[in-house]
Protein backbone atom coordinates (compact mmCIF):
# COMPACT_ATOMS: atom_id res chain seq x y z
CA UNK A 1 195.27 113.31 122.12
CA UNK A 2 192.39 113.99 119.74
CA UNK A 3 193.50 115.00 116.23
CA UNK A 4 191.11 116.34 113.61
CA UNK A 5 191.51 117.51 110.03
CA UNK A 6 189.37 119.67 107.81
CA UNK A 7 189.45 121.18 104.38
CA UNK A 8 188.08 124.37 102.93
CA UNK A 9 187.48 125.77 99.48
CA UNK A 10 186.48 129.24 98.36
CA UNK A 11 186.17 131.23 95.15
CA UNK A 12 185.84 134.93 94.47
CA UNK A 13 185.40 136.81 91.22
CA UNK A 14 187.91 139.47 90.20
CA UNK A 15 186.95 143.03 89.31
CA UNK A 16 189.05 146.02 88.31
CA UNK A 17 189.50 148.78 90.87
CA UNK A 18 189.01 146.63 93.98
CA UNK A 19 191.78 145.85 96.49
CA UNK A 20 193.29 142.37 96.46
CA UNK A 21 193.80 140.76 99.87
CA UNK A 22 195.26 137.26 100.11
CA UNK A 23 196.45 135.55 103.26
CA UNK A 24 196.03 138.79 105.18
CA UNK A 25 198.34 140.70 102.82
CA UNK A 26 197.46 143.50 100.40
CA UNK A 27 198.69 142.39 96.97
CA UNK A 28 199.50 145.08 94.40
CA UNK A 29 197.07 144.49 91.54
CA UNK A 30 194.70 146.30 89.20
CA UNK A 31 191.97 143.86 90.21
CA UNK A 32 190.57 142.68 93.51
CA UNK A 33 187.89 140.35 94.81
CA UNK A 34 184.16 140.93 94.68
CA UNK A 35 182.90 140.13 98.17
CA UNK A 36 180.85 141.23 101.16
CA UNK A 37 183.98 141.34 103.37
CA UNK A 38 187.47 142.32 102.17
CA UNK A 39 187.30 139.24 99.94
CA UNK A 40 190.39 137.45 101.25
CA UNK A 41 189.59 134.15 99.59
CA UNK A 42 192.63 132.45 101.19
CA UNK A 43 191.53 133.29 104.72
CA UNK A 44 187.96 132.31 103.89
CA UNK A 45 189.06 128.86 102.74
CA UNK A 46 191.27 128.55 105.83
CA UNK A 47 188.36 129.46 108.12
CA UNK A 48 186.26 126.79 106.43
CA UNK A 49 189.03 124.21 106.93
CA UNK A 50 189.28 125.01 110.65
CA UNK A 51 185.51 124.95 111.08
CA UNK A 52 185.42 121.68 109.16
CA UNK A 53 187.75 120.15 111.74
CA UNK A 54 185.00 120.69 114.29
CA UNK A 55 182.03 119.95 112.00
CA UNK A 56 180.78 123.53 112.51
CA UNK A 57 179.84 124.34 108.93
CA UNK A 58 181.40 127.22 107.04
CA UNK A 59 182.08 130.91 107.50
CA UNK A 60 178.89 131.81 105.65
CA UNK A 61 176.99 130.22 108.53
CA UNK A 62 178.91 132.17 111.22
CA UNK A 63 179.42 135.40 109.29
CA UNK A 64 176.57 135.65 106.75
CA UNK A 65 176.96 138.01 103.81
CA UNK A 66 173.45 139.25 104.52
CA UNK A 67 174.62 140.93 107.74
CA UNK A 68 175.89 144.51 107.77
CA UNK A 69 178.03 143.53 110.78
CA UNK A 70 180.48 141.76 108.44
CA UNK A 71 180.34 144.17 105.48
CA UNK A 72 183.86 145.18 104.46
CA UNK A 73 185.40 143.43 107.49
CA UNK A 74 189.09 142.53 107.53
CA UNK A 75 189.12 138.75 107.10
CA UNK A 76 191.94 138.47 109.65
CA UNK A 77 189.29 139.37 112.24
CA UNK A 78 187.11 136.51 111.00
CA UNK A 79 190.09 134.15 111.29
CA UNK A 80 190.77 135.37 114.85
CA UNK A 81 187.16 134.58 115.74
CA UNK A 82 187.38 131.10 114.20
CA UNK A 83 190.66 130.36 116.01
CA UNK A 84 188.99 131.48 119.26
CA UNK A 85 186.24 128.91 118.62
CA UNK A 86 188.89 126.23 118.04
CA UNK A 87 190.43 127.13 121.42
CA UNK A 88 187.04 127.27 123.17
CA UNK A 89 186.39 123.71 121.97
CA UNK A 90 189.66 122.59 123.60
CA UNK A 91 191.87 122.40 120.52
CA UNK A 92 194.89 124.19 119.10
CA UNK A 93 196.03 124.50 115.52
CA UNK A 94 198.68 121.98 114.48
CA UNK A 95 199.36 123.12 110.93
CA UNK A 96 197.64 124.49 107.84
CA UNK A 97 198.27 124.15 104.13
CA UNK A 98 196.83 126.62 101.60
CA UNK A 99 196.93 126.46 97.78
CA UNK A 100 195.97 129.58 95.83
CA UNK A 101 195.08 129.33 92.12
CA UNK A 102 195.41 132.74 90.49
CA UNK A 103 196.61 133.52 86.97
CA UNK A 104 197.93 136.97 87.83
CA UNK A 105 199.49 138.70 89.60
CA UNK A 106 202.28 136.30 90.49
CA UNK A 107 202.36 135.66 94.24
CA UNK A 108 205.84 134.25 94.90
CA UNK A 109 207.14 137.49 96.43
CA UNK A 110 204.19 137.60 98.88
CA UNK A 111 204.12 134.01 100.17
CA UNK A 112 206.53 134.57 103.08
CA UNK A 113 204.61 137.67 104.21
CA UNK A 114 201.35 135.68 104.12
CA UNK A 115 202.91 132.97 106.28
CA UNK A 116 204.28 135.57 108.70
CA UNK A 117 200.86 137.26 108.87
CA UNK A 118 198.82 134.09 109.43
CA UNK A 119 201.10 132.27 111.92
CA UNK A 120 200.51 134.56 114.93
CA UNK A 121 196.76 134.62 114.32
CA UNK A 122 196.75 130.82 114.26
CA UNK A 123 199.03 130.64 117.32
CA UNK A 124 201.66 128.57 115.54
CA UNK A 125 205.21 128.92 114.29
CA UNK A 126 205.68 130.08 110.72
CA UNK A 127 206.91 126.63 109.65
CA UNK A 128 203.43 125.26 110.42
CA UNK A 129 201.81 127.53 107.81
CA UNK A 130 202.20 126.42 104.21
CA UNK A 131 201.08 128.74 101.42
CA UNK A 132 201.51 127.75 97.80
CA UNK A 133 200.46 129.54 94.61
CA UNK A 134 199.79 128.18 91.16
CA UNK A 135 198.22 129.25 87.88
CA UNK A 136 195.84 127.13 85.85
CA UNK A 137 197.91 127.51 82.67
CA UNK A 138 195.27 129.91 81.32
CA UNK A 139 192.52 127.27 81.63
CA UNK A 140 189.06 127.89 83.11
CA UNK A 141 187.78 130.97 84.93
CA UNK A 142 191.06 131.34 86.83
CA UNK A 143 193.07 131.15 83.62
CA UNK A 144 190.83 133.79 82.02
CA UNK A 145 191.55 136.08 85.01
CA UNK A 146 187.90 136.06 86.06
CA UNK A 147 188.50 134.82 89.58
CA UNK A 148 190.60 133.02 92.15
CA UNK A 149 190.10 129.73 93.93
CA UNK A 150 191.75 128.49 97.10
CA UNK A 151 191.97 125.13 98.85
CA UNK A 152 192.98 124.91 102.50
CA UNK A 153 193.63 122.03 104.84
CA UNK A 154 193.98 122.25 108.60
CA UNK A 155 194.94 119.95 111.42
CA UNK A 156 193.92 120.67 115.01
CA UNK A 157 194.83 118.80 118.20
CA UNK A 158 193.28 118.67 121.65
CA UNK A 159 195.19 120.85 124.12
């Protein structure tokens, strides 16, 4: 069996009046992410982690923000396309681990829904999808509520 790992990282700025999508879930908030797509920074980092497993670059390479085709797109669709590539290359997702750094809003009440949303897209059981949230104790751009950053790790295995 061939096992591969990858990691992803993404950042998006926050702006008032935009919707906030994280892990495929709409989060009630006065601010949302500035982005070409729906701005789901968690899914973007996860896509990068999965693509990293296969040394295929990042989502900006596959879904450039210069293309109208991807403008405003639901990031769950991008994740579906990345998972399809993983399968086409003869692999399946083993597990993923996502860490979201966001000062506010608090995400604890949304973590389970994120896991339940991502698991079927990834083709895994919910217990193979880890989502964690943290603040930066008011330090840096995250602490000043200027943006959000996410780290994701993925493991894939040959089928």
